[in-house]
Amino acid sequence: MFKGSITALVSPFKGNNLDLEAFEKFINFQIKNGTNGIVPCGTTGESPTISHEEHKLLIETAVKVSNGKIPVIAGTGSNSTEEAVDMTKFAEKAKVDAALVVTPYYNKPTQEGLYQHYRAINDKCGLPIIIYNIPGRSVIDMSVETMTRLFELKNIVGVKDATGNLDRVDQQLKAMGKDFIQ
């Protein structure tokens, strides 16, 4: 289900308000031009700076406009475990195909803290979860060992790896096999 080019969507604004018309056109442009999936409300979509209401509206709009033509992987992460759980539950009810959950930024959790954060989301939701490991922004790098532990949970399916370390792809493949989406 998750392969190929999956576009991280911007959240367009007109003045101080979301420009849903531009957002819908952008999604349709992606579909028309053959993208294999879309990601609303990732960090490219300004997720840390939009309101929860805007976040939810963008997720609902992406699901409505894509209309099952391509997968929707909603950004639902937060540095607050409770907020990440709540947003992931919302995305699940909105019928997205998966959640992209960024490692908790600013908090600098330990590897065990990362495990517990993702486990809490996993245990309270039924949606496939893709780890977003972006140490340049979150100031923490999830280790391959922690990912391997998380992959044993029912909903953790893969990683969007933004470490810039190409050796990680091979390390993750060796640790978790071909079923772990990268």
N, C-alpha and C. Protein backbone atom coordinates (compact mmCIF):
# COMPACT_ATOMS: atom_id res chain seq x y z
N MET A 1 0.82 -1.20 0.00
CA MET A 1 0.00 0.00 0.00
C MET A 1 0.86 1.26 0.00
N PHE A 2 1.97 1.25 0.72
CA PHE A 2 2.82 2.44 0.83
C PHE A 2 4.11 2.19 0.06
N LYS A 3 4.21 2.84 -1.09
CA LYS A 3 5.39 2.68 -1.93
C LYS A 3 5.49 3.86 -2.87
N GLY A 4 6.64 4.00 -3.48
CA GLY A 4 6.81 5.03 -4.50
C GLY A 4 6.92 6.43 -3.93
N SER A 5 6.46 7.38 -4.70
CA SER A 5 6.52 8.80 -4.35
C SER A 5 5.30 9.18 -3.52
N ILE A 6 5.56 9.57 -2.28
CA ILE A 6 4.49 10.00 -1.39
C ILE A 6 4.79 11.45 -1.01
N THR A 7 3.91 12.34 -1.42
CA THR A 7 4.17 13.77 -1.30
C THR A 7 3.75 14.34 0.06
N ALA A 8 4.69 15.01 0.69
CA ALA A 8 4.38 15.79 1.90
C ALA A 8 3.74 17.09 1.43
N LEU A 9 2.53 17.33 1.88
CA LEU A 9 1.77 18.50 1.42
C LEU A 9 2.03 19.73 2.27
N VAL A 10 2.12 20.87 1.61
CA VAL A 10 2.15 22.15 2.33
C VAL A 10 0.72 22.46 2.77
N SER A 11 0.59 23.32 3.74
CA SER A 11 -0.72 23.81 4.18
C SER A 11 -0.85 25.24 3.71
N PRO A 12 -1.54 25.46 2.57
CA PRO A 12 -1.60 26.83 2.02
C PRO A 12 -2.49 27.75 2.83
N PHE A 13 -2.05 28.97 2.92
CA PHE A 13 -2.81 30.01 3.62
C PHE A 13 -3.08 31.17 2.69
N LYS A 14 -4.18 31.85 2.93
CA LYS A 14 -4.49 33.12 2.27
C LYS A 14 -4.69 34.09 3.43
N GLY A 15 -3.74 34.97 3.61
CA GLY A 15 -3.77 35.82 4.79
C GLY A 15 -3.53 34.97 6.03
N ASN A 16 -4.42 35.07 7.01
CA ASN A 16 -4.29 34.29 8.24
C ASN A 16 -5.13 33.03 8.26
N ASN A 17 -5.75 32.69 7.13
CA ASN A 17 -6.66 31.54 7.09
C ASN A 17 -6.17 30.47 6.13
N LEU A 18 -6.50 29.22 6.46
CA LEU A 18 -6.22 28.13 5.53
C LEU A 18 -6.89 28.41 4.20
N ASP A 19 -6.19 28.09 3.12
CA ASP A 19 -6.77 28.21 1.78
C ASP A 19 -7.14 26.80 1.33
N LEU A 20 -8.33 26.37 1.72
CA LEU A 20 -8.75 25.00 1.41
C LEU A 20 -8.93 24.77 -0.09
N GLU A 21 -9.30 25.80 -0.80
CA GLU A 21 -9.44 25.66 -2.26
C GLU A 21 -8.07 25.33 -2.88
N ALA A 22 -7.03 26.03 -2.47
CA ALA A 22 -5.68 25.75 -2.98
C ALA A 22 -5.22 24.37 -2.52
N PHE A 23 -5.55 23.98 -1.29
CA PHE A 23 -5.18 22.66 -0.77
C PHE A 23 -5.83 21.56 -1.60
N GLU A 24 -7.11 21.71 -1.89
CA GLU A 24 -7.82 20.72 -2.70
C GLU A 24 -7.22 20.63 -4.11
N LYS A 25 -6.92 21.78 -4.70
CA LYS A 25 -6.31 21.78 -6.03
C LYS A 25 -4.94 21.09 -6.01
N PHE A 26 -4.18 21.32 -4.94
CA PHE A 26 -2.86 20.70 -4.82
C PHE A 26 -2.98 19.19 -4.70
N ILE A 27 -3.95 18.71 -3.94
CA ILE A 27 -4.17 17.26 -3.83
C ILE A 27 -4.57 16.69 -5.18
N ASN A 28 -5.48 17.33 -5.87
CA ASN A 28 -5.89 16.84 -7.19
C ASN A 28 -4.72 16.86 -8.18
N PHE A 29 -3.87 17.87 -8.09
CA PHE A 29 -2.66 17.92 -8.92
C PHE A 29 -1.78 16.71 -8.64
N GLN A 30 -1.61 16.36 -7.37
CA GLN A 30 -0.79 15.21 -7.01
C GLN A 30 -1.38 13.92 -7.59
N ILE A 31 -2.66 13.75 -7.45
CA ILE A 31 -3.33 12.55 -7.97
C ILE A 31 -3.18 12.48 -9.48
N LYS A 32 -3.46 13.59 -10.15
CA LYS A 32 -3.39 13.64 -11.62
C LYS A 32 -1.99 13.32 -12.13
N ASN A 33 -0.98 13.70 -11.36
CA ASN A 33 0.40 13.52 -11.82
C ASN A 33 1.07 12.27 -11.26
N GLY A 34 0.28 11.35 -10.69
CA GLY A 34 0.76 10.02 -10.40
C GLY A 34 1.46 9.80 -9.07
N THR A 35 1.29 10.69 -8.10
CA THR A 35 1.89 10.41 -6.81
C THR A 35 1.25 9.16 -6.22
N ASN A 36 1.99 8.45 -5.40
CA ASN A 36 1.51 7.20 -4.81
C ASN A 36 0.85 7.39 -3.45
N GLY A 37 0.82 8.61 -2.93
CA GLY A 37 0.21 8.89 -1.64
C GLY A 37 0.48 10.33 -1.24
N ILE A 38 -0.24 10.78 -0.23
CA ILE A 38 -0.06 12.15 0.26
C ILE A 38 0.05 12.16 1.77
N VAL A 39 0.76 13.17 2.28
CA VAL A 39 0.93 13.35 3.71
C VAL A 39 0.50 14.76 4.09
N PRO A 40 -0.76 14.91 4.55
CA PRO A 40 -1.15 16.21 5.10
C PRO A 40 -0.67 16.33 6.54
N CYS A 41 -0.34 17.52 6.94
CA CYS A 41 -0.01 17.84 8.33
C CYS A 41 1.26 17.19 8.86
N GLY A 42 2.18 16.92 7.97
CA GLY A 42 3.52 16.57 8.43
C GLY A 42 4.23 17.87 8.79
N THR A 43 5.51 17.80 9.02
CA THR A 43 6.20 19.03 9.38
C THR A 43 6.32 19.98 8.18
N THR A 44 6.28 19.44 6.95
CA THR A 44 6.23 20.30 5.77
C THR A 44 4.92 21.09 5.75
N GLY A 45 3.87 20.50 6.32
CA GLY A 45 2.56 21.15 6.40
C GLY A 45 2.39 21.99 7.64
N GLU A 46 3.51 22.38 8.23
CA GLU A 46 3.51 23.29 9.38
C GLU A 46 2.76 22.75 10.59
N SER A 47 2.75 21.44 10.79
CA SER A 47 1.96 20.85 11.88
C SER A 47 2.26 21.44 13.26
N PRO A 48 3.52 21.82 13.57
CA PRO A 48 3.73 22.40 14.90
C PRO A 48 3.15 23.80 15.08
N THR A 49 2.77 24.45 13.99
CA THR A 49 2.31 25.83 14.12
C THR A 49 0.84 26.05 13.77
N ILE A 50 0.17 25.05 13.21
CA ILE A 50 -1.25 25.22 12.93
C ILE A 50 -2.06 24.80 14.16
N SER A 51 -3.27 25.31 14.25
CA SER A 51 -4.12 24.96 15.39
C SER A 51 -4.62 23.52 15.24
N HIS A 52 -5.10 22.95 16.32
CA HIS A 52 -5.67 21.60 16.26
C HIS A 52 -6.87 21.56 15.33
N GLU A 53 -7.67 22.62 15.33
CA GLU A 53 -8.83 22.67 14.44
C GLU A 53 -8.40 22.68 12.98
N GLU A 54 -7.37 23.47 12.65
CA GLU A 54 -6.84 23.51 11.29
C GLU A 54 -6.27 22.15 10.91
N HIS A 55 -5.55 21.54 11.83
CA HIS A 55 -4.95 20.22 11.61
C HIS A 55 -6.04 19.21 11.24
N LYS A 56 -7.09 19.18 12.01
CA LYS A 56 -8.19 18.25 11.76
C LYS A 56 -8.88 18.54 10.44
N LEU A 57 -9.09 19.81 10.14
CA LEU A 57 -9.74 20.19 8.89
C LEU A 57 -8.90 19.76 7.68
N LEU A 58 -7.60 19.91 7.76
CA LEU A 58 -6.72 19.49 6.66
C LEU A 58 -6.76 17.97 6.48
N ILE A 59 -6.76 17.23 7.57
CA ILE A 59 -6.84 15.76 7.46
C ILE A 59 -8.17 15.36 6.82
N GLU A 60 -9.26 15.91 7.30
CA GLU A 60 -10.58 15.57 6.74
C GLU A 60 -10.65 15.93 5.26
N THR A 61 -10.11 17.08 4.91
CA THR A 61 -10.13 17.52 3.51
C THR A 61 -9.30 16.60 2.64
N ALA A 62 -8.14 16.19 3.11
CA ALA A 62 -7.29 15.28 2.32
C ALA A 62 -7.99 13.95 2.07
N VAL A 63 -8.65 13.43 3.08
CA VAL A 63 -9.38 12.15 2.92
C VAL A 63 -10.52 12.32 1.93
N LYS A 64 -11.27 13.41 2.07
CA LYS A 64 -12.42 13.66 1.19
C LYS A 64 -11.96 13.81 -0.27
N VAL A 65 -10.95 14.62 -0.49
CA VAL A 65 -10.51 14.91 -1.87
C VAL A 65 -9.83 13.71 -2.50
N SER A 66 -9.01 13.00 -1.76
CA SER A 66 -8.34 11.82 -2.34
C SER A 66 -9.33 10.71 -2.61
N ASN A 67 -10.40 10.63 -1.82
CA ASN A 67 -11.51 9.72 -2.07
C ASN A 67 -11.08 8.28 -2.37
N GLY A 68 -10.06 7.81 -1.64
CA GLY A 68 -9.61 6.43 -1.81
C GLY A 68 -8.74 6.18 -3.03
N LYS A 69 -8.45 7.20 -3.82
CA LYS A 69 -7.63 7.02 -5.03
C LYS A 69 -6.18 6.73 -4.69
N ILE A 70 -5.69 7.35 -3.62
CA ILE A 70 -4.32 7.15 -3.15
C ILE A 70 -4.34 7.15 -1.62
N PRO A 71 -3.36 6.53 -1.00
CA PRO A 71 -3.32 6.53 0.47
C PRO A 71 -3.06 7.93 1.04
N VAL A 72 -3.68 8.16 2.19
CA VAL A 72 -3.46 9.39 2.96
C VAL A 72 -2.76 8.98 4.25
N ILE A 73 -1.58 9.52 4.46
CA ILE A 73 -0.80 9.26 5.67
C ILE A 73 -0.75 10.59 6.43
N ALA A 74 -1.57 10.70 7.46
CA ALA A 74 -1.69 11.97 8.18
C ALA A 74 -0.59 12.14 9.21
N GLY A 75 0.00 13.32 9.22
CA GLY A 75 0.93 13.67 10.30
C GLY A 75 0.14 13.85 11.58
N THR A 76 0.46 13.07 12.60
CA THR A 76 -0.30 13.13 13.86
C THR A 76 0.61 13.25 15.07
N GLY A 77 1.89 13.46 14.84
CA GLY A 77 2.85 13.49 15.94
C GLY A 77 2.84 14.77 16.72
N SER A 78 3.40 14.68 17.92
CA SER A 78 3.52 15.82 18.81
C SER A 78 4.60 15.48 19.83
N ASN A 79 5.11 16.50 20.50
CA ASN A 79 6.04 16.21 21.60
C ASN A 79 5.27 15.81 22.86
N SER A 80 3.97 15.92 22.83
CA SER A 80 3.10 15.47 23.91
C SER A 80 2.48 14.13 23.50
N THR A 81 2.72 13.11 24.28
CA THR A 81 2.16 11.79 23.97
C THR A 81 0.64 11.85 23.91
N GLU A 82 0.02 12.54 24.85
CA GLU A 82 -1.44 12.63 24.88
C GLU A 82 -1.98 13.30 23.62
N GLU A 83 -1.34 14.37 23.18
CA GLU A 83 -1.78 15.04 21.94
C GLU A 83 -1.58 14.14 20.74
N ALA A 84 -0.47 13.42 20.68
CA ALA A 84 -0.22 12.50 19.56
C ALA A 84 -1.27 11.39 19.53
N VAL A 85 -1.62 10.86 20.68
CA VAL A 85 -2.67 9.83 20.75
C VAL A 85 -3.99 10.42 20.27
N ASP A 86 -4.36 11.58 20.78
CA ASP A 86 -5.63 12.20 20.39
C ASP A 86 -5.70 12.48 18.89
N MET A 87 -4.62 13.02 18.32
CA MET A 87 -4.64 13.33 16.89
C MET A 87 -4.64 12.06 16.05
N THR A 88 -3.95 11.02 16.51
CA THR A 88 -3.95 9.76 15.77
C THR A 88 -5.33 9.10 15.83
N LYS A 89 -5.99 9.17 16.98
CA LYS A 89 -7.37 8.67 17.08
C LYS A 89 -8.30 9.43 16.14
N PHE A 90 -8.12 10.75 16.08
CA PHE A 90 -8.94 11.56 15.18
C PHE A 90 -8.70 11.13 13.73
N ALA A 91 -7.44 10.98 13.35
CA ALA A 91 -7.10 10.59 11.98
C ALA A 91 -7.69 9.22 11.64
N GLU A 92 -7.65 8.32 12.60
CA GLU A 92 -8.24 7.00 12.38
C GLU A 92 -9.73 7.11 12.10
N LYS A 93 -10.43 7.91 12.89
CA LYS A 93 -11.88 8.12 12.67
C LYS A 93 -12.15 8.80 11.34
N ALA A 94 -11.21 9.64 10.89
CA ALA A 94 -11.36 10.33 9.61
C ALA A 94 -11.07 9.41 8.42
N LYS A 95 -10.62 8.20 8.71
CA LYS A 95 -10.38 7.16 7.70
C LYS A 95 -9.11 7.36 6.88
N VAL A 96 -8.05 7.90 7.52
CA VAL A 96 -6.77 7.93 6.83
C VAL A 96 -6.23 6.51 6.75
N ASP A 97 -5.22 6.31 5.94
CA ASP A 97 -4.64 4.97 5.77
C ASP A 97 -3.52 4.67 6.75
N ALA A 98 -2.88 5.72 7.25
CA ALA A 98 -1.79 5.55 8.22
C ALA A 98 -1.51 6.89 8.88
N ALA A 99 -0.70 6.81 9.94
CA ALA A 99 -0.26 8.02 10.64
C ALA A 99 1.25 8.12 10.55
N LEU A 100 1.73 9.32 10.31
CA LEU A 100 3.16 9.62 10.36
C LEU A 100 3.39 10.34 11.68
N VAL A 101 4.19 9.73 12.55
CA VAL A 101 4.36 10.26 13.90
C VAL A 101 5.82 10.65 14.11
N VAL A 102 6.06 11.94 14.19
CA VAL A 102 7.40 12.47 14.39
C VAL A 102 7.89 12.15 15.79
N THR A 103 9.20 11.93 15.92
CA THR A 103 9.78 11.76 17.25
C THR A 103 9.54 13.04 18.04
N PRO A 104 9.28 12.91 19.34
CA PRO A 104 8.95 14.09 20.14
C PRO A 104 10.07 15.14 20.10
N TYR A 105 9.76 16.27 19.54
CA TYR A 105 10.72 17.35 19.41
C TYR A 105 10.84 18.12 20.71
N TYR A 106 11.96 18.72 20.93
CA TYR A 106 12.29 19.57 22.06
C TYR A 106 12.51 18.82 23.37
N ASN A 107 11.75 17.74 23.61
CA ASN A 107 11.82 17.04 24.89
C ASN A 107 13.11 16.26 25.10
N LYS A 108 13.75 15.82 24.03
CA LYS A 108 14.96 14.99 24.09
C LYS A 108 14.76 13.72 24.91
N PRO A 109 13.77 12.90 24.58
CA PRO A 109 13.55 11.68 25.36
C PRO A 109 14.69 10.69 25.18
N THR A 110 14.81 9.80 26.14
CA THR A 110 15.75 8.68 26.01
C THR A 110 15.19 7.69 24.99
N GLN A 111 15.96 6.69 24.65
CA GLN A 111 15.46 5.65 23.76
C GLN A 111 14.26 4.94 24.39
N GLU A 112 14.31 4.71 25.69
CA GLU A 112 13.16 4.09 26.37
C GLU A 112 11.96 5.03 26.35
N GLY A 113 12.21 6.33 26.49
CA GLY A 113 11.13 7.31 26.40
C GLY A 113 10.49 7.31 25.02
N LEU A 114 11.31 7.20 23.98
CA LEU A 114 10.77 7.09 22.62
C LEU A 114 9.90 5.85 22.48
N TYR A 115 10.42 4.74 22.98
CA TYR A 115 9.67 3.48 22.92
C TYR A 115 8.31 3.64 23.60
N GLN A 116 8.29 4.20 24.79
CA GLN A 116 7.04 4.34 25.54
C GLN A 116 6.07 5.30 24.86
N HIS A 117 6.60 6.36 24.24
CA HIS A 117 5.76 7.32 23.50
C HIS A 117 5.03 6.60 22.35
N TYR A 118 5.78 5.89 21.53
CA TYR A 118 5.18 5.20 20.39
C TYR A 118 4.31 4.03 20.83
N ARG A 119 4.70 3.35 21.89
CA ARG A 119 3.89 2.24 22.39
C ARG A 119 2.53 2.74 22.85
N ALA A 120 2.50 3.89 23.51
CA ALA A 120 1.22 4.46 23.95
C ALA A 120 0.31 4.76 22.77
N ILE A 121 0.87 5.31 21.71
CA ILE A 121 0.07 5.61 20.51
C ILE A 121 -0.39 4.30 19.89
N ASN A 122 0.52 3.35 19.74
CA ASN A 122 0.20 2.04 19.19
C ASN A 122 -0.93 1.36 19.96
N ASP A 123 -0.86 1.40 21.28
CA ASP A 123 -1.82 0.68 22.12
C ASP A 123 -3.20 1.31 22.13
N LYS A 124 -3.30 2.59 21.78
CA LYS A 124 -4.59 3.28 21.86
C LYS A 124 -5.23 3.53 20.50
N CYS A 125 -4.58 3.06 19.44
CA CYS A 125 -5.08 3.28 18.09
C CYS A 125 -4.94 1.99 17.27
N GLY A 126 -5.70 1.91 16.20
CA GLY A 126 -5.61 0.73 15.34
C GLY A 126 -5.06 1.03 13.96
N LEU A 127 -4.43 2.15 13.82
CA LEU A 127 -3.94 2.64 12.53
C LEU A 127 -2.48 2.26 12.31
N PRO A 128 -2.07 1.92 11.08
CA PRO A 128 -0.64 1.73 10.84
C PRO A 128 0.11 3.02 11.17
N ILE A 129 1.25 2.87 11.83
CA ILE A 129 2.04 4.02 12.27
C ILE A 129 3.41 3.97 11.61
N ILE A 130 3.79 5.08 11.01
CA ILE A 130 5.12 5.23 10.42
C ILE A 130 5.89 6.20 11.31
N ILE A 131 7.03 5.76 11.80
CA ILE A 131 7.90 6.59 12.63
C ILE A 131 8.53 7.65 11.73
N TYR A 132 8.57 8.87 12.18
CA TYR A 132 9.28 9.93 11.45
C TYR A 132 10.50 10.30 12.28
N ASN A 133 11.63 9.81 11.85
CA ASN A 133 12.90 10.04 12.56
C ASN A 133 13.65 11.17 11.89
N ILE A 134 13.62 12.34 12.50
CA ILE A 134 14.23 13.53 11.93
C ILE A 134 15.04 14.26 13.00
N PRO A 135 16.22 13.70 13.33
CA PRO A 135 17.00 14.26 14.43
C PRO A 135 17.42 15.71 14.24
N GLY A 136 17.55 16.17 13.02
CA GLY A 136 17.92 17.56 12.78
C GLY A 136 16.87 18.55 13.27
N ARG A 137 15.64 18.11 13.39
CA ARG A 137 14.55 18.96 13.87
C ARG A 137 14.10 18.60 15.28
N SER A 138 14.14 17.31 15.60
CA SER A 138 13.61 16.88 16.90
C SER A 138 14.69 16.75 17.97
N VAL A 139 15.95 16.81 17.59
CA VAL A 139 17.10 16.77 18.48
C VAL A 139 17.27 15.39 19.12
N ILE A 140 16.62 14.37 18.59
CA ILE A 140 16.81 13.01 19.07
C ILE A 140 16.79 12.07 17.87
N ASP A 141 17.70 11.13 17.87
CA ASP A 141 17.78 10.13 16.81
C ASP A 141 17.33 8.80 17.37
N MET A 142 16.25 8.27 16.83
CA MET A 142 15.79 6.96 17.28
C MET A 142 16.75 5.90 16.75
N SER A 143 17.25 5.08 17.62
CA SER A 143 18.21 4.04 17.23
C SER A 143 17.50 2.91 16.48
N VAL A 144 18.28 2.18 15.73
CA VAL A 144 17.76 1.00 15.03
C VAL A 144 17.23 0.00 16.05
N GLU A 145 17.89 -0.11 17.17
CA GLU A 145 17.45 -1.05 18.22
C GLU A 145 16.06 -0.67 18.74
N THR A 146 15.82 0.61 18.96
CA THR A 146 14.51 1.05 19.43
C THR A 146 13.46 0.80 18.36
N MET A 147 13.78 1.09 17.10
CA MET A 147 12.84 0.82 16.01
C MET A 147 12.51 -0.67 15.94
N THR A 148 13.52 -1.49 16.14
CA THR A 148 13.32 -2.94 16.09
C THR A 148 12.34 -3.38 17.17
N ARG A 149 12.48 -2.84 18.36
CA ARG A 149 11.52 -3.13 19.44
C ARG A 149 10.12 -2.66 19.07
N LEU A 150 10.03 -1.46 18.51
CA LEU A 150 8.73 -0.92 18.14
C LEU A 150 8.07 -1.72 17.03
N PHE A 151 8.87 -2.24 16.11
CA PHE A 151 8.33 -3.00 14.99
C PHE A 151 7.65 -4.29 15.46
N GLU A 152 7.94 -4.72 16.65
CA GLU A 152 7.28 -5.89 17.22
C GLU A 152 5.84 -5.59 17.62
N LEU A 153 5.48 -4.31 17.75
CA LEU A 153 4.13 -3.91 18.11
C LEU A 153 3.22 -4.02 16.88
N LYS A 154 1.92 -4.15 17.11
CA LYS A 154 0.99 -4.46 16.02
C LYS A 154 0.86 -3.37 14.95
N ASN A 155 1.02 -2.09 15.31
CA ASN A 155 0.73 -1.02 14.36
C ASN A 155 1.95 -0.31 13.77
N ILE A 156 3.12 -0.57 14.29
CA ILE A 156 4.32 0.11 13.77
C ILE A 156 4.74 -0.61 12.49
N VAL A 157 4.72 0.12 11.36
CA VAL A 157 4.96 -0.53 10.07
C VAL A 157 6.20 -0.04 9.34
N GLY A 158 6.78 1.09 9.75
CA GLY A 158 7.93 1.58 9.01
C GLY A 158 8.45 2.90 9.54
N VAL A 159 9.35 3.49 8.75
CA VAL A 159 10.00 4.74 9.14
C VAL A 159 10.17 5.65 7.92
N LYS A 160 9.98 6.93 8.17
CA LYS A 160 10.44 7.96 7.25
C LYS A 160 11.74 8.43 7.88
N ASP A 161 12.84 8.08 7.28
CA ASP A 161 14.15 8.33 7.86
C ASP A 161 14.74 9.60 7.27
N ALA A 162 14.93 10.60 8.10
CA ALA A 162 15.53 11.86 7.66
C ALA A 162 16.84 12.11 8.41
N THR A 163 17.56 11.02 8.66
CA THR A 163 18.85 11.17 9.34
C THR A 163 19.93 11.65 8.38
N GLY A 164 19.74 11.39 7.09
CA GLY A 164 20.77 11.71 6.11
C GLY A 164 21.88 10.67 6.07
N ASN A 165 21.72 9.61 6.83
CA ASN A 165 22.72 8.54 6.91
C ASN A 165 22.25 7.37 6.07
N LEU A 166 22.82 7.20 4.89
CA LEU A 166 22.38 6.14 3.99
C LEU A 166 22.67 4.74 4.53
N ASP A 167 23.63 4.62 5.43
CA ASP A 167 23.90 3.31 6.05
C ASP A 167 22.72 2.84 6.89
N ARG A 168 21.92 3.78 7.38
CA ARG A 168 20.77 3.41 8.22
C ARG A 168 19.77 2.53 7.47
N VAL A 169 19.58 2.80 6.21
CA VAL A 169 18.63 2.00 5.41
C VAL A 169 19.03 0.54 5.46
N ASP A 170 20.30 0.26 5.24
CA ASP A 170 20.80 -1.12 5.28
C ASP A 170 20.71 -1.70 6.69
N GLN A 171 21.06 -0.91 7.69
CA GLN A 171 20.99 -1.37 9.07
C GLN A 171 19.55 -1.73 9.45
N GLN A 172 18.61 -0.89 9.06
CA GLN A 172 17.20 -1.14 9.37
C GLN A 172 16.69 -2.36 8.62
N LEU A 173 17.11 -2.51 7.38
CA LEU A 173 16.71 -3.68 6.59
C LEU A 173 17.22 -4.97 7.24
N LYS A 174 18.47 -4.96 7.66
CA LYS A 174 19.04 -6.15 8.31
C LYS A 174 18.35 -6.45 9.64
N ALA A 175 17.97 -5.42 10.37
CA ALA A 175 17.36 -5.62 11.69
C ALA A 175 15.89 -6.03 11.61
N MET A 176 15.17 -5.49 10.63
CA MET A 176 13.71 -5.69 10.62
C MET A 176 13.17 -6.38 9.38
N GLY A 177 13.99 -6.52 8.36
CA GLY A 177 13.54 -7.22 7.17
C GLY A 177 12.77 -6.35 6.20
N LYS A 178 12.34 -6.99 5.13
CA LYS A 178 11.71 -6.28 4.02
C LYS A 178 10.28 -5.82 4.32
N ASP A 179 9.68 -6.35 5.36
CA ASP A 179 8.31 -5.92 5.70
C ASP A 179 8.27 -4.56 6.38
N PHE A 180 9.42 -4.10 6.87
CA PHE A 180 9.50 -2.79 7.51
C PHE A 180 9.64 -1.76 6.39
N ILE A 181 8.66 -0.87 6.30
CA ILE A 181 8.61 0.11 5.21
C ILE A 181 9.64 1.22 5.48
N GLN A 182 10.40 1.53 4.44
CA GLN A 182 11.39 2.61 4.55
C GLN A 182 11.18 3.59 3.41
